[in-house]
């Protein structure tokens, strides 16, 4: 098990071990999303681009939901965390409800969920390493490994960080691939 399970400060390692590379890639996506959402007021976080209903605030809430689903519910078999445990949500709930949340609420929800996810990953690594099987079993009776869940989460973030690039540029012209060092 790698001792470096806290957020990496820069890039994933160029020639690191498997877990440091996976976690470094995930943290890079998290940092980029945080940068794309930073410093905006409620109107900026509600703004959309083109015909899409996706907003930066909606992305924060959606990715908090995805983190809770993947690295808490599926990985460890835990019940949904607040606010997911108390809402009767439809498929678009996190996207539409984000418009009523303050920037501080959205960022805190996402940051708290990411911190819980980091702790859950540390627990799974201690219990079985990157091959630790999730508590979740799919319709074919298979349980994904922590490795697979992390890859899926990196993919989910990468897709949405691309959306965040376009939205943030339309809000105030901020462009770039990585946050400033």
C-alpha atoms as a PDB file:
ATOM      1  CA  UNK A   1       0.000   0.000   0.000  1.00  0.00           C
ATOM      2  CA  UNK A   2       1.212   3.466  -0.825  1.00  0.00           C
ATOM      3  CA  UNK A   3       1.638   5.860   2.038  1.00  0.00           C
ATOM      4  CA  UNK A   4       0.682   8.781  -0.210  1.00  0.00           C
ATOM      5  CA  UNK A   5      -3.113   8.711  -0.195  1.00  0.00           C
ATOM      6  CA  UNK A   6      -3.584  12.422   0.508  1.00  0.00           C
ATOM      7  CA  UNK A   7      -4.102  14.845  -2.372  1.00  0.00           C
ATOM      8  CA  UNK A   8      -0.996  15.260  -4.500  1.00  0.00           C
ATOM      9  CA  UNK A   9       0.188  18.835  -4.905  1.00  0.00           C
ATOM     10  CA  UNK A  10       1.044  18.773  -8.574  1.00  0.00           C
ATOM     11  CA  UNK A  11       0.793  16.073 -11.239  1.00  0.00           C
ATOM     12  CA  UNK A  12       0.367  12.318 -10.956  1.00  0.00           C
ATOM     13  CA  UNK A  13       3.823  10.718 -10.774  1.00  0.00           C
ATOM     14  CA  UNK A  14       5.494  10.201 -14.120  1.00  0.00           C
ATOM     15  CA  UNK A  15       6.664   6.694 -13.194  1.00  0.00           C
ATOM     16  CA  UNK A  16       4.861   6.033  -9.925  1.00  0.00           C
ATOM     17  CA  UNK A  17       3.192   2.948  -8.596  1.00  0.00           C
ATOM     18  CA  UNK A  18      -0.351   2.040  -9.539  1.00  0.00           C
ATOM     19  CA  UNK A  19      -2.196   3.563  -6.586  1.00  0.00           C
ATOM     20  CA  UNK A  20      -0.223   6.821  -6.621  1.00  0.00           C
ATOM     21  CA  UNK A  21      -0.913   7.148 -10.357  1.00  0.00           C
ATOM     22  CA  UNK A  22      -4.651   6.451  -9.966  1.00  0.00           C
ATOM     23  CA  UNK A  23      -5.057   8.767  -6.976  1.00  0.00           C
ATOM     24  CA  UNK A  24      -2.838  11.413  -8.553  1.00  0.00           C
ATOM     25  CA  UNK A  25      -4.982  11.379 -11.684  1.00  0.00           C
ATOM     26  CA  UNK A  26      -8.182  11.657  -9.645  1.00  0.00           C
ATOM     27  CA  UNK A  27      -6.769  14.502  -7.549  1.00  0.00           C
ATOM     28  CA  UNK A  28      -5.684  16.342 -10.699  1.00  0.00           C
ATOM     29  CA  UNK A  29      -9.262  16.199 -11.979  1.00  0.00           C
ATOM     30  CA  UNK A  30     -10.609  17.349  -8.586  1.00  0.00           C
ATOM     31  CA  UNK A  31      -8.157  20.283  -8.492  1.00  0.00           C
ATOM     32  CA  UNK A  32      -9.083  21.318 -12.010  1.00  0.00           C
ATOM     33  CA  UNK A  33     -12.810  21.243 -11.214  1.00  0.00           C
ATOM     34  CA  UNK A  34     -12.205  23.296  -8.049  1.00  0.00           C
ATOM     35  CA  UNK A  35     -10.224  25.837 -10.077  1.00  0.00           C
ATOM     36  CA  UNK A  36     -12.936  26.106 -12.740  1.00  0.00           C
ATOM     37  CA  UNK A  37     -15.557  26.758 -10.029  1.00  0.00           C
ATOM     38  CA  UNK A  38     -13.464  29.049  -7.818  1.00  0.00           C
ATOM     39  CA  UNK A  39     -14.321  32.670  -7.217  1.00  0.00           C
ATOM     40  CA  UNK A  40     -17.734  32.653  -8.862  1.00  0.00           C
ATOM     41  CA  UNK A  41     -20.929  34.006  -7.368  1.00  0.00           C
ATOM     42  CA  UNK A  42     -24.269  32.187  -7.500  1.00  0.00           C
ATOM     43  CA  UNK A  43     -25.061  33.580 -10.957  1.00  0.00           C
ATOM     44  CA  UNK A  44     -21.725  32.342 -12.301  1.00  0.00           C
ATOM     45  CA  UNK A  45     -22.309  28.862 -10.881  1.00  0.00           C
ATOM     46  CA  UNK A  46     -25.814  28.774 -12.430  1.00  0.00           C
ATOM     47  CA  UNK A  47     -24.674  29.830 -15.909  1.00  0.00           C
ATOM     48  CA  UNK A  48     -24.873  27.285 -18.726  1.00  0.00           C
ATOM     49  CA  UNK A  49     -23.315  27.154 -22.193  1.00  0.00           C
ATOM     50  CA  UNK A  50     -25.142  26.641 -25.466  1.00  0.00           C
ATOM     51  CA  UNK A  51     -28.253  24.449 -25.234  1.00  0.00           C
ATOM     52  CA  UNK A  52     -26.981  22.437 -22.264  1.00  0.00           C
ATOM     53  CA  UNK A  53     -28.550  22.594 -18.800  1.00  0.00           C
ATOM     54  CA  UNK A  54     -25.196  21.756 -17.178  1.00  0.00           C
ATOM     55  CA  UNK A  55     -23.886  24.444 -14.823  1.00  0.00           C
ATOM     56  CA  UNK A  56     -20.748  24.603 -12.707  1.00  0.00           C
ATOM     57  CA  UNK A  57     -22.871  24.424  -9.561  1.00  0.00           C
ATOM     58  CA  UNK A  58     -24.675  21.407 -10.988  1.00  0.00           C
ATOM     59  CA  UNK A  59     -21.313  19.780 -11.732  1.00  0.00           C
ATOM     60  CA  UNK A  60     -20.193  20.255  -8.123  1.00  0.00           C
ATOM     61  CA  UNK A  61     -23.388  18.692  -6.800  1.00  0.00           C
ATOM     62  CA  UNK A  62     -23.418  15.902  -9.393  1.00  0.00           C
ATOM     63  CA  UNK A  63     -19.808  14.937  -8.737  1.00  0.00           C
ATOM     64  CA  UNK A  64     -20.442  14.978  -4.983  1.00  0.00           C
ATOM     65  CA  UNK A  65     -23.284  12.519  -5.611  1.00  0.00           C
ATOM     66  CA  UNK A  66     -21.105  10.353  -7.851  1.00  0.00           C
ATOM     67  CA  UNK A  67     -18.270  10.335  -5.287  1.00  0.00           C
ATOM     68  CA  UNK A  68     -20.710   9.274  -2.540  1.00  0.00           C
ATOM     69  CA  UNK A  69     -22.232   6.592  -4.748  1.00  0.00           C
ATOM     70  CA  UNK A  70     -18.932   5.129  -5.955  1.00  0.00           C
ATOM     71  CA  UNK A  71     -16.545   5.463  -3.004  1.00  0.00           C
ATOM     72  CA  UNK A  72     -18.990   5.149  -0.116  1.00  0.00           C
ATOM     73  CA  UNK A  73     -22.099   3.230  -1.159  1.00  0.00           C
ATOM     74  CA  UNK A  74     -20.608   0.891  -3.773  1.00  0.00           C
ATOM     75  CA  UNK A  75     -17.106   0.523  -2.342  1.00  0.00           C
ATOM     76  CA  UNK A  76     -17.982   0.130   1.339  1.00  0.00           C
ATOM     77  CA  UNK A  77     -21.722  -0.605   1.318  1.00  0.00           C
ATOM     78  CA  UNK A  78     -22.601   2.505   3.296  1.00  0.00           C
ATOM     79  CA  UNK A  79     -25.948   4.267   3.277  1.00  0.00           C
ATOM     80  CA  UNK A  80     -26.184   7.494   1.250  1.00  0.00           C
ATOM     81  CA  UNK A  81     -24.753  10.532   3.052  1.00  0.00           C
ATOM     82  CA  UNK A  82     -26.645  13.828   3.416  1.00  0.00           C
ATOM     83  CA  UNK A  83     -28.264  15.292   1.398  1.00  0.00           C
ATOM     84  CA  UNK A  84     -28.764  12.158  -0.707  1.00  0.00           C
ATOM     85  CA  UNK A  85     -30.277  10.273   2.247  1.00  0.00           C
ATOM     86  CA  UNK A  86     -33.237  12.638   2.694  1.00  0.00           C
ATOM     87  CA  UNK A  87     -34.335  13.624  -0.798  1.00  0.00           C
ATOM     88  CA  UNK A  88     -36.740  11.954  -3.148  1.00  0.00           C
ATOM     89  CA  UNK A  89     -34.713  12.762  -6.204  1.00  0.00           C
ATOM     90  CA  UNK A  90     -35.380  12.283  -9.862  1.00  0.00           C
ATOM     91  CA  UNK A  91     -32.672  11.763 -12.464  1.00  0.00           C
ATOM     92  CA  UNK A  92     -31.990  15.515 -12.680  1.00  0.00           C
ATOM     93  CA  UNK A  93     -32.339  16.435  -9.002  1.00  0.00           C
ATOM     94  CA  UNK A  94     -28.712  17.324  -8.325  1.00  0.00           C
ATOM     95  CA  UNK A  95     -28.550  19.401 -11.502  1.00  0.00           C
ATOM     96  CA  UNK A  96     -31.764  21.362 -10.926  1.00  0.00           C
ATOM     97  CA  UNK A  97     -31.486  21.759  -7.144  1.00  0.00           C
ATOM     98  CA  UNK A  98     -27.987  23.251  -7.377  1.00  0.00           C
ATOM     99  CA  UNK A  99     -29.498  26.509  -8.639  1.00  0.00           C
ATOM    100  CA  UNK A 100     -31.007  27.083  -5.182  1.00  0.00           C
ATOM    101  CA  UNK A 101     -27.751  26.468  -3.301  1.00  0.00           C
ATOM    102  CA  UNK A 102     -25.150  29.090  -2.462  1.00  0.00           C
ATOM    103  CA  UNK A 103     -21.633  28.813  -3.834  1.00  0.00           C
ATOM    104  CA  UNK A 104     -20.445  28.083  -0.285  1.00  0.00           C
ATOM    105  CA  UNK A 105     -22.971  25.240   0.140  1.00  0.00           C
ATOM    106  CA  UNK A 106     -22.040  23.674  -3.190  1.00  0.00           C
ATOM    107  CA  UNK A 107     -18.304  23.861  -2.614  1.00  0.00           C
ATOM    108  CA  UNK A 108     -18.633  22.554   0.963  1.00  0.00           C
ATOM    109  CA  UNK A 109     -20.809  19.628  -0.162  1.00  0.00           C
ATOM    110  CA  UNK A 110     -18.317  18.652  -2.856  1.00  0.00           C
ATOM    111  CA  UNK A 111     -15.223  19.168  -0.654  1.00  0.00           C
ATOM    112  CA  UNK A 112     -16.736  17.224   2.263  1.00  0.00           C
ATOM    113  CA  UNK A 113     -17.669  14.356  -0.043  1.00  0.00           C
ATOM    114  CA  UNK A 114     -14.187  14.274  -1.605  1.00  0.00           C
ATOM    115  CA  UNK A 115     -12.631  14.201   1.882  1.00  0.00           C
ATOM    116  CA  UNK A 116     -14.912  11.307   2.880  1.00  0.00           C
ATOM    117  CA  UNK A 117     -13.972   9.534  -0.354  1.00  0.00           C
ATOM    118  CA  UNK A 118     -10.270   9.899   0.440  1.00  0.00           C
ATOM    119  CA  UNK A 119     -10.845   8.337   3.877  1.00  0.00           C
ATOM    120  CA  UNK A 120     -12.873   5.515   2.307  1.00  0.00           C
ATOM    121  CA  UNK A 121     -10.095   4.816  -0.203  1.00  0.00           C
ATOM    122  CA  UNK A 122      -7.525   4.716   2.617  1.00  0.00           C
ATOM    123  CA  UNK A 123      -9.752   2.194   4.430  1.00  0.00           C
ATOM    124  CA  UNK A 124     -10.150   0.000   1.339  1.00  0.00           C
ATOM    125  CA  UNK A 125      -6.408   0.132   0.655  1.00  0.00           C
ATOM    126  CA  UNK A 126      -5.684  -0.946   4.221  1.00  0.00           C
ATOM    127  CA  UNK A 127      -8.165  -3.821   3.910  1.00  0.00           C
ATOM    128  CA  UNK A 128      -7.102  -5.189   0.546  1.00  0.00           C
ATOM    129  CA  UNK A 129      -5.070  -2.827  -1.587  1.00  0.00           C
ATOM    130  CA  UNK A 130      -6.063  -1.678  -5.035  1.00  0.00           C
ATOM    131  CA  UNK A 131      -7.629  -5.084  -5.695  1.00  0.00           C
ATOM    132  CA  UNK A 132     -10.043  -4.682  -2.743  1.00  0.00           C
ATOM    133  CA  UNK A 133     -13.464  -5.789  -3.949  1.00  0.00           C
ATOM    134  CA  UNK A 134     -16.395  -3.437  -3.515  1.00  0.00           C
ATOM    135  CA  UNK A 135     -19.391  -4.289  -1.347  1.00  0.00           C
ATOM    136  CA  UNK A 136     -21.529  -3.664  -4.443  1.00  0.00           C
ATOM    137  CA  UNK A 137     -22.424  -6.551  -6.741  1.00  0.00           C
ATOM    138  CA  UNK A 138     -23.653  -5.848 -10.264  1.00  0.00           C
ATOM    139  CA  UNK A 139     -26.450  -7.616 -12.128  1.00  0.00           C
ATOM    140  CA  UNK A 140     -23.984 -10.321 -13.271  1.00  0.00           C
ATOM    141  CA  UNK A 141     -22.926 -11.051  -9.685  1.00  0.00           C
ATOM    142  CA  UNK A 142     -19.559  -9.310 -10.046  1.00  0.00           C
ATOM    143  CA  UNK A 143     -18.002  -6.886  -7.570  1.00  0.00           C
ATOM    144  CA  UNK A 144     -15.635  -4.291  -9.027  1.00  0.00           C
ATOM    145  CA  UNK A 145     -12.215  -3.721  -7.493  1.00  0.00           C
ATOM    146  CA  UNK A 146     -11.119  -0.422  -5.989  1.00  0.00           C
ATOM    147  CA  UNK A 147      -8.886  -0.126  -9.074  1.00  0.00           C
ATOM    148  CA  UNK A 148     -11.907  -0.245 -11.394  1.00  0.00           C
ATOM    149  CA  UNK A 149     -13.932   2.179  -9.266  1.00  0.00           C
ATOM    150  CA  UNK A 150     -11.073   4.699  -9.284  1.00  0.00           C
ATOM    151  CA  UNK A 151     -10.691   4.416 -13.056  1.00  0.00           C
ATOM    152  CA  UNK A 152     -14.439   4.931 -13.488  1.00  0.00           C
ATOM    153  CA  UNK A 153     -14.318   7.990 -11.215  1.00  0.00           C
ATOM    154  CA  UNK A 154     -11.340   9.494 -13.073  1.00  0.00           C
ATOM    155  CA  UNK A 155     -13.294   9.018 -16.319  1.00  0.00           C
ATOM    156  CA  UNK A 156     -16.411  10.663 -14.849  1.00  0.00           C
ATOM    157  CA  UNK A 157     -14.406  13.655 -13.650  1.00  0.00           C
ATOM    158  CA  UNK A 158     -12.500  14.000 -16.923  1.00  0.00           C
ATOM    159  CA  UNK A 159     -15.744  14.153 -18.917  1.00  0.00           C
ATOM    160  CA  UNK A 160     -17.179  16.806 -16.639  1.00  0.00           C
ATOM    161  CA  UNK A 161     -13.983  18.842 -16.345  1.00  0.00           C
ATOM    162  CA  UNK A 162     -14.297  19.260 -20.112  1.00  0.00           C
ATOM    163  CA  UNK A 163     -17.788  20.660 -19.583  1.00  0.00           C
ATOM    164  CA  UNK A 164     -16.427  22.927 -16.839  1.00  0.00           C
ATOM    165  CA  UNK A 165     -13.807  24.289 -19.271  1.00  0.00           C
ATOM    166  CA  UNK A 166     -16.476  25.412 -21.715  1.00  0.00           C
ATOM    167  CA  UNK A 167     -18.832  26.801 -19.099  1.00  0.00           C
ATOM    168  CA  UNK A 168     -16.164  28.761 -17.224  1.00  0.00           C
ATOM    169  CA  UNK A 169     -14.852  30.259 -20.452  1.00  0.00           C
ATOM    170  CA  UNK A 170     -18.384  31.438 -21.255  1.00  0.00           C
ATOM    171  CA  UNK A 171     -18.765  32.967 -17.764  1.00  0.00           C
ATOM    172  CA  UNK A 172     -15.663  35.139 -17.648  1.00  0.00           C
ATOM    173  CA  UNK A 173     -13.139  33.959 -20.229  1.00  0.00           C
ATOM    174  CA  UNK A 174     -11.016  31.855 -17.867  1.00  0.00           C
ATOM    175  CA  UNK A 175      -9.194  29.224 -19.910  1.00  0.00           C
ATOM    176  CA  UNK A 176      -6.457  26.721 -19.270  1.00  0.00           C
ATOM    177  CA  UNK A 177      -5.863  23.051 -18.724  1.00  0.00           C
ATOM    178  CA  UNK A 178      -4.448  23.140 -15.194  1.00  0.00           C
ATOM    179  CA  UNK A 179      -4.767  25.463 -12.223  1.00  0.00           C
ATOM    180  CA  UNK A 180      -1.846  27.854 -11.811  1.00  0.00           C
ATOM    181  CA  UNK A 181       0.919  26.388  -9.640  1.00  0.00           C
END
